[in-house]
All heavy atoms as atom14 arrays in JSON, in Angstrom:
{
  "sequence": "RQLALLGVANDIGENVGLLPGLVCNKFPPWVVLLIGALACFFGYGVIW",
  "atom14_mask": [
    [1, 1, 1, 1, 1, 1, 1, 1, 1, 1, 1, 0, 0, 0],
    [1, 1, 1, 1, 1, 1, 1, 1, 1, 0, 0, 0, 0, 0],
    [1, 1, 1, 1, 1, 1, 1, 1, 0, 0, 0, 0, 0, 0],
    [1, 1, 1, 1, 1, 0, 0, 0, 0, 0, 0, 0, 0, 0],
    [1, 1, 1, 1, 1, 1, 1, 1, 0, 0, 0, 0, 0, 0],
    [1, 1, 1, 1, 1, 1, 1, 1, 0, 0, 0, 0, 0, 0],
    [1, 1, 1, 1, 0, 0, 0, 0, 0, 0, 0, 0, 0, 0],
    [1, 1, 1, 1, 1, 1, 1, 0, 0, 0, 0, 0, 0, 0],
    [1, 1, 1, 1, 1, 0, 0, 0, 0, 0, 0, 0, 0, 0],
    [1, 1, 1, 1, 1, 1, 1, 1, 0, 0, 0, 0, 0, 0],
    [1, 1, 1, 1, 1, 1, 1, 1, 0, 0, 0, 0, 0, 0],
    [1, 1, 1, 1, 1, 1, 1, 1, 0, 0, 0, 0, 0, 0],
    [1, 1, 1, 1, 0, 0, 0, 0, 0, 0, 0, 0, 0, 0],
    [1, 1, 1, 1, 1, 1, 1, 1, 1, 0, 0, 0, 0, 0],
    [1, 1, 1, 1, 1, 1, 1, 1, 0, 0, 0, 0, 0, 0],
    [1, 1, 1, 1, 1, 1, 1, 0, 0, 0, 0, 0, 0, 0],
    [1, 1, 1, 1, 0, 0, 0, 0, 0, 0, 0, 0, 0, 0],
    [1, 1, 1, 1, 1, 1, 1, 1, 0, 0, 0, 0, 0, 0],
    [1, 1, 1, 1, 1, 1, 1, 1, 0, 0, 0, 0, 0, 0],
    [1, 1, 1, 1, 1, 1, 1, 0, 0, 0, 0, 0, 0, 0],
    [1, 1, 1, 1, 0, 0, 0, 0, 0, 0, 0, 0, 0, 0],
    [1, 1, 1, 1, 1, 1, 1, 1, 0, 0, 0, 0, 0, 0],
    [1, 1, 1, 1, 1, 1, 1, 0, 0, 0, 0, 0, 0, 0],
    [1, 1, 1, 1, 1, 1, 0, 0, 0, 0, 0, 0, 0, 0],
    [1, 1, 1, 1, 1, 1, 1, 1, 0, 0, 0, 0, 0, 0],
    [1, 1, 1, 1, 1, 1, 1, 1, 1, 0, 0, 0, 0, 0],
    [1, 1, 1, 1, 1, 1, 1, 1, 1, 1, 1, 0, 0, 0],
    [1, 1, 1, 1, 1, 1, 1, 0, 0, 0, 0, 0, 0, 0],
    [1, 1, 1, 1, 1, 1, 1, 0, 0, 0, 0, 0, 0, 0],
    [1, 1, 1, 1, 1, 1, 1, 1, 1, 1, 1, 1, 1, 1],
    [1, 1, 1, 1, 1, 1, 1, 0, 0, 0, 0, 0, 0, 0],
    [1, 1, 1, 1, 1, 1, 1, 0, 0, 0, 0, 0, 0, 0],
    [1, 1, 1, 1, 1, 1, 1, 1, 0, 0, 0, 0, 0, 0],
    [1, 1, 1, 1, 1, 1, 1, 1, 0, 0, 0, 0, 0, 0],
    [1, 1, 1, 1, 1, 1, 1, 1, 0, 0, 0, 0, 0, 0],
    [1, 1, 1, 1, 0, 0, 0, 0, 0, 0, 0, 0, 0, 0],
    [1, 1, 1, 1, 1, 0, 0, 0, 0, 0, 0, 0, 0, 0],
    [1, 1, 1, 1, 1, 1, 1, 1, 0, 0, 0, 0, 0, 0],
    [1, 1, 1, 1, 1, 0, 0, 0, 0, 0, 0, 0, 0, 0],
    [1, 1, 1, 1, 1, 1, 0, 0, 0, 0, 0, 0, 0, 0],
    [1, 1, 1, 1, 1, 1, 1, 1, 1, 1, 1, 0, 0, 0],
    [1, 1, 1, 1, 1, 1, 1, 1, 1, 1, 1, 0, 0, 0],
    [1, 1, 1, 1, 0, 0, 0, 0, 0, 0, 0, 0, 0, 0],
    [1, 1, 1, 1, 1, 1, 1, 1, 1, 1, 1, 1, 0, 0],
    [1, 1, 1, 1, 0, 0, 0, 0, 0, 0, 0, 0, 0, 0],
    [1, 1, 1, 1, 1, 1, 1, 0, 0, 0, 0, 0, 0, 0],
    [1, 1, 1, 1, 1, 1, 1, 1, 0, 0, 0, 0, 0, 0],
    [1, 1, 1, 1, 1, 1, 1, 1, 1, 1, 1, 1, 1, 1]
  ],
  "atom14_positions": [
    [[-16.15, 7.5, 15.48], [-16.29, 6.29, 14.7], [-15.86, 6.43, 13.27], [-15.3, 5.5, 12.77], [-17.82, 5.91, 14.7], [-18.38, 5.5, 16.04], [-19.7, 4.76, 15.97], [-19.68, 3.42, 15.34], [-20.66, 2.62, 15.06], [-21.84, 3.1, 15.39], [-20.49, 1.47, 14.5], [0.0, 0.0, 0.0], [0.0, 0.0, 0.0], [0.0, 0.0, 0.0]],
    [[-16.07, 7.62, 12.7], [-15.56, 7.8, 11.25], [-14.03, 7.85, 11.3], [-13.38, 7.25, 10.48], [-16.14, 9.15, 10.78], [-17.6, 9.14, 10.46], [-18.09, 10.48, 9.98], [-17.85, 11.52, 10.68], [-18.71, 10.52, 8.9], [0.0, 0.0, 0.0], [0.0, 0.0, 0.0], [0.0, 0.0, 0.0], [0.0, 0.0, 0.0], [0.0, 0.0, 0.0]],
    [[-13.49, 8.42, 12.46], [-12.09, 8.47, 12.53], [-11.51, 7.12, 12.79], [-10.41, 6.68, 12.12], [-11.59, 9.49, 13.65], [-10.14, 9.81, 13.73], [-9.75, 10.62, 12.54], [-9.86, 10.55, 15.0], [0.0, 0.0, 0.0], [0.0, 0.0, 0.0], [0.0, 0.0, 0.0], [0.0, 0.0, 0.0], [0.0, 0.0, 0.0], [0.0, 0.0, 0.0]],
    [[-12.13, 6.26, 13.59], [-11.68, 4.95, 13.87], [-11.73, 4.11, 12.61], [-10.9, 3.22, 12.34], [-12.52, 4.27, 14.93], [0.0, 0.0, 0.0], [0.0, 0.0, 0.0], [0.0, 0.0, 0.0], [0.0, 0.0, 0.0], [0.0, 0.0, 0.0], [0.0, 0.0, 0.0], [0.0, 0.0, 0.0], [0.0, 0.0, 0.0], [0.0, 0.0, 0.0]],
    [[-12.74, 4.28, 11.74], [-12.85, 3.63, 10.51], [-11.71, 4.04, 9.52], [-11.26, 3.15, 8.71], [-14.24, 3.88, 9.86], [-14.69, 2.82, 8.86], [-14.67, 1.44, 9.38], [-16.1, 3.19, 8.26], [0.0, 0.0, 0.0], [0.0, 0.0, 0.0], [0.0, 0.0, 0.0], [0.0, 0.0, 0.0], [0.0, 0.0, 0.0], [0.0, 0.0, 0.0]],
    [[-11.38, 5.22, 9.61], [-10.17, 5.61, 8.81], [-8.9, 4.92, 9.35], [-8.04, 4.61, 8.58], [-9.95, 7.16, 8.85], [-10.85, 7.99, 7.94], [-10.57, 9.51, 8.23], [-10.69, 7.68, 6.44], [0.0, 0.0, 0.0], [0.0, 0.0, 0.0], [0.0, 0.0, 0.0], [0.0, 0.0, 0.0], [0.0, 0.0, 0.0], [0.0, 0.0, 0.0]],
    [[-8.89, 4.76, 10.61], [-7.83, 4.0, 11.23], [-7.74, 2.56, 10.69], [-6.66, 1.98, 10.46], [0.0, 0.0, 0.0], [0.0, 0.0, 0.0], [0.0, 0.0, 0.0], [0.0, 0.0, 0.0], [0.0, 0.0, 0.0], [0.0, 0.0, 0.0], [0.0, 0.0, 0.0], [0.0, 0.0, 0.0], [0.0, 0.0, 0.0], [0.0, 0.0, 0.0]],
    [[-8.98, 1.96, 10.52], [-9.0, 0.66, 9.93], [-8.45, 0.65, 8.48], [-7.72, -0.26, 8.11], [-10.48, 0.14, 9.94], [-10.62, -1.17, 9.24], [-10.88, -0.07, 11.36], [0.0, 0.0, 0.0], [0.0, 0.0, 0.0], [0.0, 0.0, 0.0], [0.0, 0.0, 0.0], [0.0, 0.0, 0.0], [0.0, 0.0, 0.0], [0.0, 0.0, 0.0]],
    [[-8.84, 1.66, 7.75], [-8.23, 1.81, 6.4], [-6.73, 1.85, 6.42], [-6.09, 1.35, 5.58], [-8.83, 3.12, 5.68], [0.0, 0.0, 0.0], [0.0, 0.0, 0.0], [0.0, 0.0, 0.0], [0.0, 0.0, 0.0], [0.0, 0.0, 0.0], [0.0, 0.0, 0.0], [0.0, 0.0, 0.0], [0.0, 0.0, 0.0], [0.0, 0.0, 0.0]],
    [[-6.21, 2.66, 7.36], [-4.81, 2.78, 7.6], [-4.18, 1.36, 7.77], [-3.16, 1.13, 7.21], [-4.59, 3.64, 8.8], [-3.08, 4.04, 9.02], [-2.55, 4.9, 8.38], [-2.48, 3.29, 9.95], [0.0, 0.0, 0.0], [0.0, 0.0, 0.0], [0.0, 0.0, 0.0], [0.0, 0.0, 0.0], [0.0, 0.0, 0.0], [0.0, 0.0, 0.0]],
    [[-4.83, 0.54, 8.59], [-4.24, -0.76, 8.94], [-4.55, -1.79, 7.82], [-3.64, -2.71, 7.56], [-4.84, -1.25, 10.23], [-4.45, -0.34, 11.42], [-3.3, 0.0, 11.4], [-5.32, -0.05, 12.16], [0.0, 0.0, 0.0], [0.0, 0.0, 0.0], [0.0, 0.0, 0.0], [0.0, 0.0, 0.0], [0.0, 0.0, 0.0], [0.0, 0.0, 0.0]],
    [[-5.6, -1.68, 7.11], [-5.9, -2.6, 5.97], [-4.86, -2.34, 4.88], [-4.2, -3.29, 4.4], [-7.27, -2.35, 5.43], [-8.34, -2.86, 6.45], [-7.41, -3.02, 4.03], [-9.83, -2.65, 5.95], [0.0, 0.0, 0.0], [0.0, 0.0, 0.0], [0.0, 0.0, 0.0], [0.0, 0.0, 0.0], [0.0, 0.0, 0.0], [0.0, 0.0, 0.0]],
    [[-4.6, -1.08, 4.63], [-3.63, -0.8, 3.54], [-2.22, -1.26, 3.96], [-1.51, -1.84, 3.13], [0.0, 0.0, 0.0], [0.0, 0.0, 0.0], [0.0, 0.0, 0.0], [0.0, 0.0, 0.0], [0.0, 0.0, 0.0], [0.0, 0.0, 0.0], [0.0, 0.0, 0.0], [0.0, 0.0, 0.0], [0.0, 0.0, 0.0], [0.0, 0.0, 0.0]],
    [[-1.79, -1.05, 5.2], [-0.52, -1.4, 5.69], [-0.3, -2.96, 5.62], [0.88, -3.38, 5.31], [-0.31, -0.9, 7.09], [1.09, -1.25, 7.73], [1.1, -0.9, 9.18], [0.05, -0.52, 9.76], [2.17, -0.96, 9.72], [0.0, 0.0, 0.0], [0.0, 0.0, 0.0], [0.0, 0.0, 0.0], [0.0, 0.0, 0.0], [0.0, 0.0, 0.0]],
    [[-1.29, -3.72, 5.82], [-1.14, -5.19, 6.04], [-1.66, -6.08, 4.97], [-1.45, -7.28, 5.09], [-1.75, -5.5, 7.39], [-1.04, -4.88, 8.53], [0.04, -5.37, 9.06], [-1.59, -3.85, 9.15], [0.0, 0.0, 0.0], [0.0, 0.0, 0.0], [0.0, 0.0, 0.0], [0.0, 0.0, 0.0], [0.0, 0.0, 0.0], [0.0, 0.0, 0.0]],
    [[-2.41, -5.59, 4.03], [-2.96, -6.43, 2.93], [-1.77, -6.56, 1.92], [-1.65, -5.71, 0.99], [-4.21, -5.84, 2.33], [-4.64, -6.73, 1.15], [-5.34, -5.83, 3.38], [0.0, 0.0, 0.0], [0.0, 0.0, 0.0], [0.0, 0.0, 0.0], [0.0, 0.0, 0.0], [0.0, 0.0, 0.0], [0.0, 0.0, 0.0], [0.0, 0.0, 0.0]],
    [[-0.92, -7.54, 2.03], [0.23, -7.65, 1.21], [0.23, -8.87, 0.35], [1.29, -9.37, -0.11], [0.0, 0.0, 0.0], [0.0, 0.0, 0.0], [0.0, 0.0, 0.0], [0.0, 0.0, 0.0], [0.0, 0.0, 0.0], [0.0, 0.0, 0.0], [0.0, 0.0, 0.0], [0.0, 0.0, 0.0], [0.0, 0.0, 0.0], [0.0, 0.0, 0.0]],
    [[-0.93, -9.45, 0.05], [-1.04, -10.69, -0.78], [-0.47, -10.41, -2.14], [0.31, -11.27, -2.67], [-2.47, -11.16, -0.82], [-3.13, -11.58, 0.47], [-4.49, -12.09, 0.3], [-2.26, -12.67, 1.24], [0.0, 0.0, 0.0], [0.0, 0.0, 0.0], [0.0, 0.0, 0.0], [0.0, 0.0, 0.0], [0.0, 0.0, 0.0], [0.0, 0.0, 0.0]],
    [[-0.88, -9.24, -2.78], [-0.33, -9.0, -4.07], [1.15, -8.76, -4.05], [1.83, -9.34, -4.98], [-1.06, -7.75, -4.67], [-0.82, -7.45, -6.15], [-1.06, -8.57, -7.04], [-1.7, -6.22, -6.55], [0.0, 0.0, 0.0], [0.0, 0.0, 0.0], [0.0, 0.0, 0.0], [0.0, 0.0, 0.0], [0.0, 0.0, 0.0], [0.0, 0.0, 0.0]],
    [[1.69, -7.95, -3.17], [3.18, -7.89, -3.06], [3.82, -9.31, -2.85], [4.92, -9.48, -3.37], [3.45, -6.94, -1.87], [2.17, -6.1, -1.76], [1.08, -6.95, -2.23], [0.0, 0.0, 0.0], [0.0, 0.0, 0.0], [0.0, 0.0, 0.0], [0.0, 0.0, 0.0], [0.0, 0.0, 0.0], [0.0, 0.0, 0.0], [0.0, 0.0, 0.0]],
    [[3.16, -10.13, -2.08], [3.73, -11.45, -1.91], [3.83, -12.28, -3.15], [4.75, -13.0, -3.35], [0.0, 0.0, 0.0], [0.0, 0.0, 0.0], [0.0, 0.0, 0.0], [0.0, 0.0, 0.0], [0.0, 0.0, 0.0], [0.0, 0.0, 0.0], [0.0, 0.0, 0.0], [0.0, 0.0, 0.0], [0.0, 0.0, 0.0], [0.0, 0.0, 0.0]],
    [[2.89, -12.07, -3.99], [2.94, -12.79, -5.25], [3.93, -12.12, -6.27], [4.72, -12.86, -6.88], [1.57, -12.72, -6.02], [0.49, -13.67, -5.34], [-0.86, -13.3, -5.97], [0.82, -15.13, -5.56], [0.0, 0.0, 0.0], [0.0, 0.0, 0.0], [0.0, 0.0, 0.0], [0.0, 0.0, 0.0], [0.0, 0.0, 0.0], [0.0, 0.0, 0.0]],
    [[3.93, -10.84, -6.31], [4.75, -10.08, -7.24], [6.27, -10.28, -6.86], [7.12, -10.4, -7.76], [4.48, -8.56, -7.21], [5.49, -7.74, -8.08], [3.14, -8.36, -7.83], [0.0, 0.0, 0.0], [0.0, 0.0, 0.0], [0.0, 0.0, 0.0], [0.0, 0.0, 0.0], [0.0, 0.0, 0.0], [0.0, 0.0, 0.0], [0.0, 0.0, 0.0]],
    [[6.63, -10.41, -5.64], [8.04, -10.55, -5.23], [8.65, -11.84, -5.66], [9.89, -11.92, -5.66], [8.19, -10.37, -3.66], [7.64, -11.77, -2.73], [0.0, 0.0, 0.0], [0.0, 0.0, 0.0], [0.0, 0.0, 0.0], [0.0, 0.0, 0.0], [0.0, 0.0, 0.0], [0.0, 0.0, 0.0], [0.0, 0.0, 0.0], [0.0, 0.0, 0.0]],
    [[7.8, -12.8, -5.97], [8.34, -14.1, -6.52], [8.54, -14.1, -8.0], [9.1, -15.06, -8.6], [7.45, -15.21, -6.06], [7.75, -15.81, -4.72], [8.76, -15.47, -4.16], [6.98, -16.75, -4.27], [0.0, 0.0, 0.0], [0.0, 0.0, 0.0], [0.0, 0.0, 0.0], [0.0, 0.0, 0.0], [0.0, 0.0, 0.0], [0.0, 0.0, 0.0]],
    [[7.97, -13.06, -8.62], [7.98, -13.1, -10.08], [8.84, -11.93, -10.66], [9.27, -11.93, -11.87], [6.56, -12.94, -10.66], [5.72, -14.21, -10.23], [4.36, -14.07, -10.82], [3.37, -15.23, -10.41], [3.85, -16.46, -10.95], [0.0, 0.0, 0.0], [0.0, 0.0, 0.0], [0.0, 0.0, 0.0], [0.0, 0.0, 0.0], [0.0, 0.0, 0.0]],
    [[9.06, -10.88, -9.87], [9.83, -9.74, -10.33], [10.92, -9.3, -9.41], [10.85, -9.67, -8.25], [8.92, -8.58, -10.61], [7.79, -8.8, -11.67], [6.59, -9.28, -11.23], [8.06, -8.6, -13.0], [5.57, -9.52, -12.24], [7.1, -8.88, -13.91], [5.85, -9.32, -13.59], [0.0, 0.0, 0.0], [0.0, 0.0, 0.0], [0.0, 0.0, 0.0]],
    [[11.95, -8.56, -9.84], [12.97, -8.15, -8.97], [12.46, -7.11, -7.96], [11.4, -6.5, -8.09], [14.02, -7.59, -9.94], [13.26, -7.18, -11.19], [12.18, -8.23, -11.23], [0.0, 0.0, 0.0], [0.0, 0.0, 0.0], [0.0, 0.0, 0.0], [0.0, 0.0, 0.0], [0.0, 0.0, 0.0], [0.0, 0.0, 0.0], [0.0, 0.0, 0.0]],
    [[13.16, -7.04, -6.8], [12.76, -6.14, -5.71], [12.47, -4.72, -6.13], [11.53, -4.03, -5.57], [13.87, -6.22, -4.72], [14.51, -7.51, -5.01], [14.42, -7.77, -6.45], [0.0, 0.0, 0.0], [0.0, 0.0, 0.0], [0.0, 0.0, 0.0], [0.0, 0.0, 0.0], [0.0, 0.0, 0.0], [0.0, 0.0, 0.0], [0.0, 0.0, 0.0]],
    [[13.19, -4.19, -7.14], [12.99, -2.76, -7.48], [11.65, -2.58, -8.02], [11.08, -1.41, -7.85], [14.05, -2.27, -8.45], [14.04, -2.85, -9.91], [14.67, -3.93, -10.32], [13.2, -2.39, -10.96], [14.43, -4.14, -11.69], [13.48, -3.25, -12.05], [12.26, -1.29, -11.13], [12.84, -3.0, -13.35], [11.67, -1.12, -12.31], [11.97, -1.94, -13.4]],
    [[11.02, -3.54, -8.71], [9.66, -3.45, -9.15], [8.64, -3.28, -8.04], [7.75, -2.45, -7.98], [9.29, -4.62, -10.1], [7.82, -4.62, -10.51], [10.15, -4.64, -11.37], [0.0, 0.0, 0.0], [0.0, 0.0, 0.0], [0.0, 0.0, 0.0], [0.0, 0.0, 0.0], [0.0, 0.0, 0.0], [0.0, 0.0, 0.0], [0.0, 0.0, 0.0]],
    [[8.9, -4.14, -6.99], [7.98, -4.12, -5.82], [8.1, -2.76, -5.17], [7.08, -2.17, -4.74], [8.49, -5.2, -4.85], [7.58, -5.23, -3.63], [8.34, -6.61, -5.48], [0.0, 0.0, 0.0], [0.0, 0.0, 0.0], [0.0, 0.0, 0.0], [0.0, 0.0, 0.0], [0.0, 0.0, 0.0], [0.0, 0.0, 0.0], [0.0, 0.0, 0.0]],
    [[9.33, -2.18, -4.98], [9.48, -0.84, -4.36], [8.92, 0.27, -5.16], [8.39, 1.25, -4.66], [10.97, -0.69, -4.03], [11.6, -1.77, -3.09], [13.13, -1.33, -2.88], [10.91, -1.72, -1.82], [0.0, 0.0, 0.0], [0.0, 0.0, 0.0], [0.0, 0.0, 0.0], [0.0, 0.0, 0.0], [0.0, 0.0, 0.0], [0.0, 0.0, 0.0]],
    [[9.01, 0.12, -6.49], [8.54, 1.17, -7.36], [6.94, 1.22, -7.24], [6.42, 2.32, -7.18], [8.86, 0.93, -8.89], [8.27, 1.9, -9.92], [8.75, 3.27, -9.59], [8.67, 1.41, -11.32], [0.0, 0.0, 0.0], [0.0, 0.0, 0.0], [0.0, 0.0, 0.0], [0.0, 0.0, 0.0], [0.0, 0.0, 0.0], [0.0, 0.0, 0.0]],
    [[6.31, 0.12, -7.19], [4.85, 0.12, -6.93], [4.48, 0.8, -5.74], [3.57, 1.53, -5.57], [4.29, -1.28, -7.15], [4.56, -1.84, -8.6], [2.85, -1.38, -6.81], [4.22, -3.34, -8.75], [0.0, 0.0, 0.0], [0.0, 0.0, 0.0], [0.0, 0.0, 0.0], [0.0, 0.0, 0.0], [0.0, 0.0, 0.0], [0.0, 0.0, 0.0]],
    [[5.31, 0.47, -4.63], [5.0, 1.06, -3.3], [5.19, 2.52, -3.37], [4.37, 3.23, -2.72], [0.0, 0.0, 0.0], [0.0, 0.0, 0.0], [0.0, 0.0, 0.0], [0.0, 0.0, 0.0], [0.0, 0.0, 0.0], [0.0, 0.0, 0.0], [0.0, 0.0, 0.0], [0.0, 0.0, 0.0], [0.0, 0.0, 0.0], [0.0, 0.0, 0.0]],
    [[6.22, 3.03, -4.13], [6.41, 4.43, -4.15], [5.24, 5.2, -4.84], [4.76, 6.19, -4.4], [7.69, 4.72, -4.86], [0.0, 0.0, 0.0], [0.0, 0.0, 0.0], [0.0, 0.0, 0.0], [0.0, 0.0, 0.0], [0.0, 0.0, 0.0], [0.0, 0.0, 0.0], [0.0, 0.0, 0.0], [0.0, 0.0, 0.0], [0.0, 0.0, 0.0]],
    [[4.71, 4.54, -5.85], [3.57, 5.17, -6.63], [2.29, 5.19, -5.71], [1.48, 6.14, -5.78], [3.29, 4.34, -7.89], [4.35, 4.48, -8.97], [4.1, 3.54, -10.15], [4.57, 5.94, -9.52], [0.0, 0.0, 0.0], [0.0, 0.0, 0.0], [0.0, 0.0, 0.0], [0.0, 0.0, 0.0], [0.0, 0.0, 0.0], [0.0, 0.0, 0.0]],
    [[2.11, 4.13, -4.98], [0.91, 3.95, -4.08], [0.99, 5.13, -3.03], [0.01, 5.76, -2.73], [0.86, 2.6, -3.45], [0.0, 0.0, 0.0], [0.0, 0.0, 0.0], [0.0, 0.0, 0.0], [0.0, 0.0, 0.0], [0.0, 0.0, 0.0], [0.0, 0.0, 0.0], [0.0, 0.0, 0.0], [0.0, 0.0, 0.0], [0.0, 0.0, 0.0]],
    [[2.19, 5.3, -2.59], [2.4, 6.32, -1.52], [2.14, 7.74, -2.07], [1.46, 8.56, -1.42], [3.88, 6.3, -0.93], [4.22, 7.2, 0.5], [0.0, 0.0, 0.0], [0.0, 0.0, 0.0], [0.0, 0.0, 0.0], [0.0, 0.0, 0.0], [0.0, 0.0, 0.0], [0.0, 0.0, 0.0], [0.0, 0.0, 0.0], [0.0, 0.0, 0.0]],
    [[2.59, 8.02, -3.28], [2.47, 9.33, -3.87], [0.95, 9.57, -4.18], [0.53, 10.73, -3.78], [3.22, 9.36, -5.14], [2.98, 10.6, -6.01], [3.54, 11.83, -5.65], [2.18, 10.56, -7.1], [3.29, 12.92, -6.35], [1.85, 11.69, -7.78], [2.5, 12.9, -7.53], [0.0, 0.0, 0.0], [0.0, 0.0, 0.0], [0.0, 0.0, 0.0]],
    [[0.21, 8.68, -4.71], [-1.11, 8.91, -5.03], [-2.05, 8.96, -3.77], [-3.0, 9.76, -3.66], [-1.62, 7.94, -6.05], [-1.06, 8.17, -7.46], [-0.11, 7.29, -7.99], [-1.41, 9.23, -8.28], [0.41, 7.58, -9.32], [-0.91, 9.44, -9.5], [0.05, 8.68, -10.09], [0.0, 0.0, 0.0], [0.0, 0.0, 0.0], [0.0, 0.0, 0.0]],
    [[-1.85, 8.04, -2.98], [-2.71, 7.85, -1.79], [-2.67, 9.04, -0.87], [-3.6, 9.72, -0.56], [0.0, 0.0, 0.0], [0.0, 0.0, 0.0], [0.0, 0.0, 0.0], [0.0, 0.0, 0.0], [0.0, 0.0, 0.0], [0.0, 0.0, 0.0], [0.0, 0.0, 0.0], [0.0, 0.0, 0.0], [0.0, 0.0, 0.0], [0.0, 0.0, 0.0]],
    [[-1.36, 9.38, -0.36], [-1.31, 10.48, 0.48], [-1.53, 11.82, -0.18], [-1.89, 12.81, 0.47], [0.22, 10.52, 1.15], [0.36, 9.56, 2.25], [1.25, 8.45, 2.19], [-0.36, 9.56, 3.47], [1.38, 7.51, 3.17], [-0.32, 8.73, 4.46], [0.58, 7.66, 4.37], [0.76, 6.81, 5.44], [0.0, 0.0, 0.0], [0.0, 0.0, 0.0]],
    [[-1.33, 11.84, -1.53], [-1.61, 13.01, -2.25], [-3.1, 13.43, -2.11], [-3.37, 14.68, -1.94], [0.0, 0.0, 0.0], [0.0, 0.0, 0.0], [0.0, 0.0, 0.0], [0.0, 0.0, 0.0], [0.0, 0.0, 0.0], [0.0, 0.0, 0.0], [0.0, 0.0, 0.0], [0.0, 0.0, 0.0], [0.0, 0.0, 0.0], [0.0, 0.0, 0.0]],
    [[-3.99, 12.51, -2.22], [-5.38, 12.75, -2.08], [-5.76, 13.23, -0.66], [-6.5, 14.15, -0.49], [-6.22, 11.48, -2.4], [-7.7, 11.68, -2.07], [-6.09, 11.16, -3.9], [0.0, 0.0, 0.0], [0.0, 0.0, 0.0], [0.0, 0.0, 0.0], [0.0, 0.0, 0.0], [0.0, 0.0, 0.0], [0.0, 0.0, 0.0], [0.0, 0.0, 0.0]],
    [[-5.14, 12.6, 0.38], [-5.43, 13.03, 1.75], [-4.88, 14.36, 2.0], [-5.57, 15.24, 2.6], [-4.62, 12.06, 2.74], [-5.18, 10.6, 2.49], [-4.96, 12.48, 4.21], [-6.61, 10.36, 2.8], [0.0, 0.0, 0.0], [0.0, 0.0, 0.0], [0.0, 0.0, 0.0], [0.0, 0.0, 0.0], [0.0, 0.0, 0.0], [0.0, 0.0, 0.0]],
    [[-3.78, 14.74, 1.53], [-3.18, 16.09, 1.59], [-4.17, 17.11, 0.88], [-4.4, 18.17, 1.46], [-1.8, 16.16, 0.97], [-1.24, 17.58, 0.95], [-0.74, 18.31, 1.96], [-1.21, 18.46, -0.22], [-0.37, 19.62, 1.59], [-0.63, 19.74, 0.19], [-1.59, 18.31, -1.55], [-0.53, 20.75, -0.67], [-1.38, 19.42, -2.37], [-0.86, 20.58, -1.95]]
  ]
}
């Protein structure tokens, strides 16, 4: 059950894109991709 709940966290993170949806209309794509790269670095860094 704890592992399944981590799976939910995995899917929530992957699919909650309301903020990227707003940002992509106001900033160029490289800003959107840069934020994604930072999220990837810090998030997986903690799991590692």
